[in-house]
Amino acid sequence: MFYLDASVVVTALANEAATDRTQAWLRARPPGATFISDWVAAEVSSALSIKIRTGQITVAARARILMEFNRMAREELGLVDVRTAHFRSAALFADQHALNLRAGDALHLAITSDHGLTLSTLDRRLAEAGPALGVQTVLI
């Protein structure tokens, strides 16, 4: 069972260098094996807004990607909850300064750990930090 971070979702839906690889990885997962949280939805929206501001996508492309994300979230992905305890765990993870975790990444790791999932990401630093915290990760 896999938890997708926003890097996986955005790359799968936008036209990026790793889109084909990411889509193939997602297609290889059995139904019911991939999950996101509401935190992922917030990060997807943020990432798409950054892409607009930096001229990587148009407003119309953002709308299309968000529509596809919402369809995917409804039809293909499970939703795990985010609780107060996850933020506390994320703070403890972020306290380990040698891992160089941002708050959002630490939160992904805390959610993943609590739900007994494997974090799936395209972020090498995040994938490498997980095992040091006892969290299974896969770098796509």
N, C-alpha and C. Protein backbone atom coordinates (compact mmCIF):
# COMPACT_ATOMS: atom_id res chain seq x y z
N MET A 1 0.84 -1.16 0.00
CA MET A 1 0.00 0.00 0.00
C MET A 1 0.90 1.24 0.00
N PHE A 2 0.54 2.21 -0.83
CA PHE A 2 1.40 3.35 -1.09
C PHE A 2 0.70 4.68 -0.84
N TYR A 3 1.43 5.60 -0.26
CA TYR A 3 0.98 6.98 -0.07
C TYR A 3 1.74 7.83 -1.06
N LEU A 4 1.02 8.58 -1.87
CA LEU A 4 1.64 9.42 -2.88
C LEU A 4 1.86 10.82 -2.34
N ASP A 5 3.05 11.35 -2.51
CA ASP A 5 3.23 12.76 -2.17
C ASP A 5 2.87 13.59 -3.41
N ALA A 6 2.85 14.90 -3.25
CA ALA A 6 2.41 15.78 -4.33
C ALA A 6 3.32 15.70 -5.55
N SER A 7 4.60 15.39 -5.36
CA SER A 7 5.50 15.31 -6.51
C SER A 7 5.04 14.23 -7.48
N VAL A 8 4.53 13.14 -6.96
CA VAL A 8 4.05 12.04 -7.81
C VAL A 8 2.79 12.48 -8.56
N VAL A 9 1.86 13.07 -7.85
CA VAL A 9 0.59 13.48 -8.45
C VAL A 9 0.81 14.53 -9.52
N VAL A 10 1.57 15.57 -9.21
CA VAL A 10 1.79 16.66 -10.17
C VAL A 10 2.52 16.13 -11.40
N THR A 11 3.54 15.34 -11.19
CA THR A 11 4.30 14.81 -12.32
C THR A 11 3.45 13.89 -13.19
N ALA A 12 2.59 13.11 -12.57
CA ALA A 12 1.72 12.21 -13.34
C ALA A 12 0.75 12.98 -14.22
N LEU A 13 0.32 14.15 -13.76
CA LEU A 13 -0.73 14.88 -14.47
C LEU A 13 -0.24 16.03 -15.34
N ALA A 14 0.95 16.52 -15.07
CA ALA A 14 1.51 17.62 -15.87
C ALA A 14 2.50 17.03 -16.87
N ASN A 15 2.88 17.81 -17.82
CA ASN A 15 3.82 17.35 -18.83
C ASN A 15 5.24 17.63 -18.36
N GLU A 16 5.84 16.65 -17.68
CA GLU A 16 7.18 16.81 -17.13
C GLU A 16 8.08 15.67 -17.62
N ALA A 17 9.36 15.79 -17.38
CA ALA A 17 10.31 14.79 -17.86
C ALA A 17 9.99 13.39 -17.34
N ALA A 18 9.51 13.27 -16.11
CA ALA A 18 9.25 11.96 -15.50
C ALA A 18 7.78 11.54 -15.59
N THR A 19 6.98 12.23 -16.40
CA THR A 19 5.55 11.91 -16.46
C THR A 19 5.30 10.48 -16.93
N ASP A 20 5.93 10.05 -18.01
CA ASP A 20 5.69 8.69 -18.52
C ASP A 20 6.07 7.64 -17.48
N ARG A 21 7.23 7.81 -16.85
CA ARG A 21 7.69 6.86 -15.83
C ARG A 21 6.73 6.83 -14.64
N THR A 22 6.28 8.00 -14.21
CA THR A 22 5.38 8.09 -13.07
C THR A 22 4.02 7.47 -13.40
N GLN A 23 3.50 7.75 -14.57
CA GLN A 23 2.22 7.15 -14.97
C GLN A 23 2.33 5.64 -15.06
N ALA A 24 3.43 5.14 -15.59
CA ALA A 24 3.61 3.68 -15.68
C ALA A 24 3.67 3.06 -14.28
N TRP A 25 4.36 3.72 -13.35
CA TRP A 25 4.44 3.21 -11.98
C TRP A 25 3.05 3.16 -11.36
N LEU A 26 2.26 4.21 -11.55
CA LEU A 26 0.91 4.25 -11.00
C LEU A 26 0.02 3.17 -11.62
N ARG A 27 0.11 2.98 -12.92
CA ARG A 27 -0.70 1.95 -13.59
C ARG A 27 -0.36 0.55 -13.08
N ALA A 28 0.87 0.35 -12.64
CA ALA A 28 1.30 -0.97 -12.16
C ALA A 28 0.78 -1.28 -10.76
N ARG A 29 0.24 -0.30 -10.05
CA ARG A 29 -0.31 -0.53 -8.70
C ARG A 29 -1.70 -1.14 -8.84
N PRO A 30 -2.01 -2.14 -8.02
CA PRO A 30 -3.36 -2.72 -8.08
C PRO A 30 -4.40 -1.73 -7.55
N PRO A 31 -5.65 -1.87 -7.97
CA PRO A 31 -6.70 -0.99 -7.46
C PRO A 31 -6.74 -1.03 -5.92
N GLY A 32 -6.93 0.13 -5.34
CA GLY A 32 -7.03 0.22 -3.89
C GLY A 32 -5.69 0.25 -3.16
N ALA A 33 -4.59 0.36 -3.91
CA ALA A 33 -3.26 0.30 -3.28
C ALA A 33 -2.60 1.66 -3.12
N THR A 34 -3.24 2.73 -3.61
CA THR A 34 -2.61 4.05 -3.53
C THR A 34 -3.52 5.03 -2.79
N PHE A 35 -2.88 5.84 -1.96
CA PHE A 35 -3.59 6.76 -1.08
C PHE A 35 -2.97 8.15 -1.13
N ILE A 36 -3.79 9.12 -0.81
CA ILE A 36 -3.34 10.50 -0.61
C ILE A 36 -4.00 11.01 0.66
N SER A 37 -3.66 12.23 1.03
CA SER A 37 -4.33 12.91 2.15
C SER A 37 -4.77 14.29 1.66
N ASP A 38 -5.52 14.98 2.48
CA ASP A 38 -5.89 16.35 2.14
C ASP A 38 -4.66 17.25 2.05
N TRP A 39 -3.59 16.89 2.76
CA TRP A 39 -2.35 17.65 2.66
C TRP A 39 -1.80 17.58 1.24
N VAL A 40 -1.91 16.42 0.59
CA VAL A 40 -1.46 16.28 -0.80
C VAL A 40 -2.27 17.20 -1.69
N ALA A 41 -3.58 17.26 -1.48
CA ALA A 41 -4.42 18.13 -2.30
C ALA A 41 -3.97 19.59 -2.17
N ALA A 42 -3.66 20.02 -0.96
CA ALA A 42 -3.19 21.40 -0.75
C ALA A 42 -1.87 21.63 -1.48
N GLU A 43 -0.97 20.67 -1.39
CA GLU A 43 0.33 20.83 -2.06
C GLU A 43 0.20 20.80 -3.58
N VAL A 44 -0.72 19.99 -4.10
CA VAL A 44 -0.93 19.96 -5.56
C VAL A 44 -1.39 21.34 -6.03
N SER A 45 -2.35 21.93 -5.33
CA SER A 45 -2.81 23.27 -5.70
C SER A 45 -1.69 24.28 -5.63
N SER A 46 -0.88 24.21 -4.60
CA SER A 46 0.25 25.12 -4.46
C SER A 46 1.25 24.94 -5.59
N ALA A 47 1.59 23.71 -5.90
CA ALA A 47 2.56 23.43 -6.97
C ALA A 47 2.05 23.95 -8.31
N LEU A 48 0.76 23.78 -8.57
CA LEU A 48 0.21 24.26 -9.83
C LEU A 48 0.19 25.79 -9.90
N SER A 49 -0.06 26.43 -8.77
CA SER A 49 -0.01 27.89 -8.74
C SER A 49 1.41 28.40 -9.00
N ILE A 50 2.39 27.71 -8.45
CA ILE A 50 3.80 28.06 -8.72
C ILE A 50 4.09 27.92 -10.20
N LYS A 51 3.58 26.85 -10.81
CA LYS A 51 3.81 26.63 -12.24
C LYS A 51 3.20 27.75 -13.08
N ILE A 52 2.05 28.28 -12.65
CA ILE A 52 1.46 29.41 -13.37
C ILE A 52 2.35 30.64 -13.21
N ARG A 53 2.74 30.94 -11.98
CA ARG A 53 3.55 32.13 -11.72
C ARG A 53 4.89 32.10 -12.45
N THR A 54 5.44 30.90 -12.65
CA THR A 54 6.74 30.78 -13.31
C THR A 54 6.61 30.55 -14.82
N GLY A 55 5.37 30.59 -15.32
CA GLY A 55 5.15 30.45 -16.76
C GLY A 55 5.28 29.04 -17.30
N GLN A 56 5.26 28.04 -16.42
CA GLN A 56 5.37 26.65 -16.88
C GLN A 56 4.07 26.10 -17.43
N ILE A 57 2.94 26.61 -16.91
CA ILE A 57 1.63 26.18 -17.41
C ILE A 57 0.72 27.40 -17.49
N THR A 58 -0.37 27.24 -18.22
CA THR A 58 -1.37 28.30 -18.32
C THR A 58 -2.47 28.06 -17.28
N VAL A 59 -3.30 29.06 -17.11
CA VAL A 59 -4.44 28.93 -16.20
C VAL A 59 -5.36 27.81 -16.70
N ALA A 60 -5.53 27.71 -17.99
CA ALA A 60 -6.37 26.65 -18.56
C ALA A 60 -5.77 25.27 -18.28
N ALA A 61 -4.45 25.15 -18.40
CA ALA A 61 -3.80 23.87 -18.10
C ALA A 61 -3.97 23.52 -16.63
N ARG A 62 -3.86 24.51 -15.75
CA ARG A 62 -4.06 24.27 -14.32
C ARG A 62 -5.46 23.73 -14.06
N ALA A 63 -6.45 24.33 -14.71
CA ALA A 63 -7.84 23.88 -14.53
C ALA A 63 -8.00 22.43 -15.00
N ARG A 64 -7.39 22.11 -16.13
CA ARG A 64 -7.47 20.74 -16.66
C ARG A 64 -6.79 19.75 -15.72
N ILE A 65 -5.62 20.11 -15.21
CA ILE A 65 -4.88 19.23 -14.30
C ILE A 65 -5.66 19.04 -13.00
N LEU A 66 -6.22 20.13 -12.46
CA LEU A 66 -7.00 20.00 -11.23
C LEU A 66 -8.24 19.15 -11.43
N MET A 67 -8.89 19.28 -12.58
CA MET A 67 -10.06 18.45 -12.86
C MET A 67 -9.66 16.97 -12.90
N GLU A 68 -8.55 16.68 -13.55
CA GLU A 68 -8.09 15.30 -13.62
C GLU A 68 -7.67 14.79 -12.24
N PHE A 69 -7.02 15.65 -11.45
CA PHE A 69 -6.64 15.26 -10.09
C PHE A 69 -7.89 14.93 -9.27
N ASN A 70 -8.91 15.76 -9.35
CA ASN A 70 -10.13 15.50 -8.59
C ASN A 70 -10.81 14.21 -9.03
N ARG A 71 -10.81 13.94 -10.33
CA ARG A 71 -11.37 12.67 -10.82
C ARG A 71 -10.56 11.50 -10.29
N MET A 72 -9.24 11.61 -10.38
CA MET A 72 -8.34 10.56 -9.91
C MET A 72 -8.53 10.33 -8.41
N ALA A 73 -8.63 11.41 -7.64
CA ALA A 73 -8.82 11.29 -6.19
C ALA A 73 -10.13 10.58 -5.87
N ARG A 74 -11.17 10.89 -6.61
CA ARG A 74 -12.49 10.28 -6.40
C ARG A 74 -12.52 8.81 -6.79
N GLU A 75 -11.94 8.49 -7.93
CA GLU A 75 -12.12 7.18 -8.54
C GLU A 75 -10.98 6.19 -8.33
N GLU A 76 -9.78 6.67 -8.07
CA GLU A 76 -8.63 5.77 -8.07
C GLU A 76 -7.84 5.76 -6.77
N LEU A 77 -7.95 6.80 -5.97
CA LEU A 77 -7.09 6.93 -4.80
C LEU A 77 -7.90 6.84 -3.51
N GLY A 78 -7.33 6.20 -2.51
CA GLY A 78 -7.93 6.23 -1.19
C GLY A 78 -7.49 7.50 -0.48
N LEU A 79 -8.26 7.90 0.52
CA LEU A 79 -7.96 9.11 1.28
C LEU A 79 -7.71 8.72 2.73
N VAL A 80 -6.52 9.07 3.24
CA VAL A 80 -6.21 8.85 4.66
C VAL A 80 -6.35 10.17 5.39
N ASP A 81 -6.72 10.08 6.64
CA ASP A 81 -6.93 11.30 7.42
C ASP A 81 -5.61 11.87 7.93
N VAL A 82 -5.67 13.16 8.22
CA VAL A 82 -4.54 13.87 8.83
C VAL A 82 -5.04 14.33 10.20
N ARG A 83 -4.29 13.95 11.23
CA ARG A 83 -4.70 14.26 12.60
C ARG A 83 -3.64 15.13 13.28
N THR A 84 -4.02 15.69 14.40
CA THR A 84 -3.12 16.53 15.20
C THR A 84 -1.84 15.77 15.53
N ALA A 85 -1.94 14.50 15.84
CA ALA A 85 -0.76 13.71 16.19
C ALA A 85 0.25 13.67 15.04
N HIS A 86 -0.23 13.76 13.81
CA HIS A 86 0.68 13.75 12.66
C HIS A 86 1.56 15.01 12.66
N PHE A 87 0.99 16.13 13.05
CA PHE A 87 1.78 17.36 13.11
C PHE A 87 2.83 17.27 14.21
N ARG A 88 2.47 16.65 15.31
CA ARG A 88 3.44 16.48 16.40
C ARG A 88 4.57 15.56 15.96
N SER A 89 4.23 14.47 15.30
CA SER A 89 5.27 13.56 14.79
C SER A 89 6.13 14.26 13.75
N ALA A 90 5.49 15.05 12.89
CA ALA A 90 6.25 15.78 11.86
C ALA A 90 7.26 16.73 12.51
N ALA A 91 6.86 17.37 13.61
CA ALA A 91 7.80 18.26 14.31
C ALA A 91 8.99 17.47 14.84
N LEU A 92 8.74 16.28 15.38
CA LEU A 92 9.85 15.45 15.87
C LEU A 92 10.75 15.01 14.72
N PHE A 93 10.15 14.69 13.59
CA PHE A 93 10.94 14.31 12.42
C PHE A 93 11.79 15.49 11.95
N ALA A 94 11.19 16.67 11.88
CA ALA A 94 11.89 17.86 11.41
C ALA A 94 12.98 18.29 12.39
N ASP A 95 12.82 17.92 13.67
CA ASP A 95 13.86 18.22 14.67
C ASP A 95 15.18 17.56 14.33
N GLN A 96 15.14 16.50 13.57
CA GLN A 96 16.37 15.79 13.21
C GLN A 96 17.01 16.52 12.02
N HIS A 97 17.69 17.60 12.35
CA HIS A 97 18.19 18.55 11.36
C HIS A 97 19.09 17.92 10.30
N ALA A 98 19.78 16.86 10.62
CA ALA A 98 20.68 16.23 9.65
C ALA A 98 19.92 15.64 8.46
N LEU A 99 18.62 15.38 8.64
CA LEU A 99 17.81 14.83 7.55
C LEU A 99 17.36 15.90 6.56
N ASN A 100 17.48 17.17 6.96
CA ASN A 100 17.17 18.30 6.07
C ASN A 100 15.73 18.24 5.54
N LEU A 101 14.79 17.94 6.43
CA LEU A 101 13.38 17.85 6.04
C LEU A 101 12.68 19.19 6.15
N ARG A 102 11.88 19.51 5.16
CA ARG A 102 10.96 20.64 5.25
C ARG A 102 9.73 20.16 6.02
N ALA A 103 8.98 21.10 6.57
CA ALA A 103 7.81 20.76 7.39
C ALA A 103 6.81 19.89 6.63
N GLY A 104 6.52 20.25 5.39
CA GLY A 104 5.56 19.49 4.60
C GLY A 104 6.01 18.07 4.34
N ASP A 105 7.29 17.89 4.08
CA ASP A 105 7.82 16.54 3.86
C ASP A 105 7.76 15.72 5.14
N ALA A 106 8.08 16.35 6.26
CA ALA A 106 8.00 15.66 7.55
C ALA A 106 6.55 15.23 7.82
N LEU A 107 5.61 16.07 7.43
CA LEU A 107 4.19 15.72 7.61
C LEU A 107 3.82 14.52 6.75
N HIS A 108 4.27 14.49 5.50
CA HIS A 108 4.02 13.32 4.65
C HIS A 108 4.56 12.04 5.32
N LEU A 109 5.76 12.13 5.85
CA LEU A 109 6.36 10.96 6.51
C LEU A 109 5.56 10.53 7.74
N ALA A 110 5.09 11.49 8.51
CA ALA A 110 4.30 11.17 9.71
C ALA A 110 2.98 10.51 9.33
N ILE A 111 2.31 11.03 8.33
CA ILE A 111 1.04 10.45 7.87
C ILE A 111 1.27 9.03 7.36
N THR A 112 2.29 8.89 6.53
CA THR A 112 2.62 7.58 5.96
C THR A 112 2.91 6.57 7.05
N SER A 113 3.74 6.96 8.00
CA SER A 113 4.13 6.07 9.09
C SER A 113 2.92 5.62 9.90
N ASP A 114 2.09 6.56 10.28
CA ASP A 114 0.93 6.25 11.12
C ASP A 114 -0.04 5.31 10.43
N HIS A 115 -0.18 5.43 9.12
CA HIS A 115 -1.13 4.59 8.39
C HIS A 115 -0.50 3.30 7.87
N GLY A 116 0.78 3.07 8.18
CA GLY A 116 1.44 1.83 7.78
C GLY A 116 1.61 1.69 6.28
N LEU A 117 1.82 2.80 5.61
CA LEU A 117 1.96 2.81 4.16
C LEU A 117 3.42 3.03 3.77
N THR A 118 3.71 2.94 2.50
CA THR A 118 5.02 3.24 1.95
C THR A 118 4.92 4.57 1.21
N LEU A 119 5.78 5.52 1.58
CA LEU A 119 5.77 6.82 0.92
C LEU A 119 6.36 6.69 -0.48
N SER A 120 5.62 7.15 -1.48
CA SER A 120 6.07 7.14 -2.87
C SER A 120 6.34 8.57 -3.28
N THR A 121 7.54 8.82 -3.79
CA THR A 121 7.95 10.19 -4.10
C THR A 121 8.94 10.23 -5.25
N LEU A 122 9.09 11.40 -5.83
CA LEU A 122 10.15 11.65 -6.80
C LEU A 122 11.26 12.48 -6.17
N ASP A 123 11.15 12.76 -4.89
CA ASP A 123 12.10 13.59 -4.15
C ASP A 123 13.14 12.69 -3.47
N ARG A 124 14.34 12.67 -4.00
CA ARG A 124 15.40 11.78 -3.48
C ARG A 124 15.68 12.04 -2.00
N ARG A 125 15.78 13.32 -1.61
CA ARG A 125 16.07 13.63 -0.21
C ARG A 125 14.99 13.06 0.71
N LEU A 126 13.75 13.21 0.33
CA LEU A 126 12.64 12.69 1.12
C LEU A 126 12.67 11.16 1.17
N ALA A 127 12.93 10.53 0.04
CA ALA A 127 13.00 9.07 0.00
C ALA A 127 14.12 8.54 0.88
N GLU A 128 15.22 9.26 0.94
CA GLU A 128 16.36 8.83 1.76
C GLU A 128 16.14 9.10 3.24
N ALA A 129 15.36 10.11 3.58
CA ALA A 129 15.11 10.44 4.99
C ALA A 129 14.17 9.43 5.65
N GLY A 130 13.23 8.90 4.89
CA GLY A 130 12.23 8.00 5.47
C GLY A 130 12.80 6.84 6.26
N PRO A 131 13.67 6.03 5.68
CA PRO A 131 14.19 4.87 6.40
C PRO A 131 14.89 5.25 7.72
N ALA A 132 15.54 6.41 7.77
CA ALA A 132 16.20 6.85 9.00
C ALA A 132 15.18 7.10 10.11
N LEU A 133 13.91 7.30 9.72
CA LEU A 133 12.84 7.53 10.68
C LEU A 133 11.93 6.32 10.83
N GLY A 134 12.33 5.21 10.21
CA GLY A 134 11.53 4.00 10.28
C GLY A 134 10.35 3.98 9.34
N VAL A 135 10.38 4.83 8.30
CA VAL A 135 9.29 4.93 7.34
C VAL A 135 9.74 4.34 6.02
N GLN A 136 8.97 3.41 5.49
CA GLN A 136 9.31 2.82 4.21
C GLN A 136 9.04 3.84 3.10
N THR A 137 9.98 3.91 2.15
CA THR A 137 9.82 4.84 1.03
C THR A 137 10.19 4.13 -0.27
N VAL A 138 9.67 4.68 -1.36
CA VAL A 138 10.08 4.23 -2.69
C VAL A 138 10.30 5.48 -3.53
N LEU A 139 11.45 5.54 -4.18
CA LEU A 139 11.77 6.63 -5.09
C LEU A 139 11.35 6.19 -6.48
N ILE A 140 10.44 6.92 -7.06
CA ILE A 140 9.92 6.54 -8.40
C ILE A 140 10.86 7.12 -9.45
